[in-house]
């Protein structure tokens, strides 16, 4: 797992490089590329996923699978149904899970990128199905006490900056992927 601090001057390039490195290591070019953006627009701290999904859908809705937007969020109540639909629609889906999370004070404002699945809702004691071949999580606030209230009182500025960085990095990787497919 690699952490990128959104306050570093090089955060956009750092995220993009690390995302591409991890993505290129794991992705099989025969698989369908799917991004699942988890969260809800009803809580500032939990809106990271749907904001990223909204931004990506504007650019790539007809080229890759994007699930979880501001208008159609993927959350605890529809996660299993969404996973079922993804497996029905996409051949061998490679899933990138994007979600907000809570963490230690010194990691707030950091984005983590890693291999494997995440367990959405773990920070608020929900037992949900793990999702993803790769993950991107934004540490939006501190954990440890009254997590629902902490998510409600998270600064939108932190969430939006994370969403911009994540969208930029994923967009750059999608464009590189499309260019490679054209040359092949």
Foldseek 3Di string as FASTA:
>chain_A
DDKAFLPDPCRLVVLLVVQLVQCVVQDDLVWAEAEAQAFAPVFLQWCLSQPLLQVLCVPDVPPGHYHAHHVHHHYQVCVVVVVVVCPVPTDRYAYEYETEAAAAPVRARMKDKFADWDQPPVLVPDGGDTDHRIYIYHHQYHGDPPVRVGRRPTDNVSSVSVSVSVNSSVVVSVVVSVVVVVVD
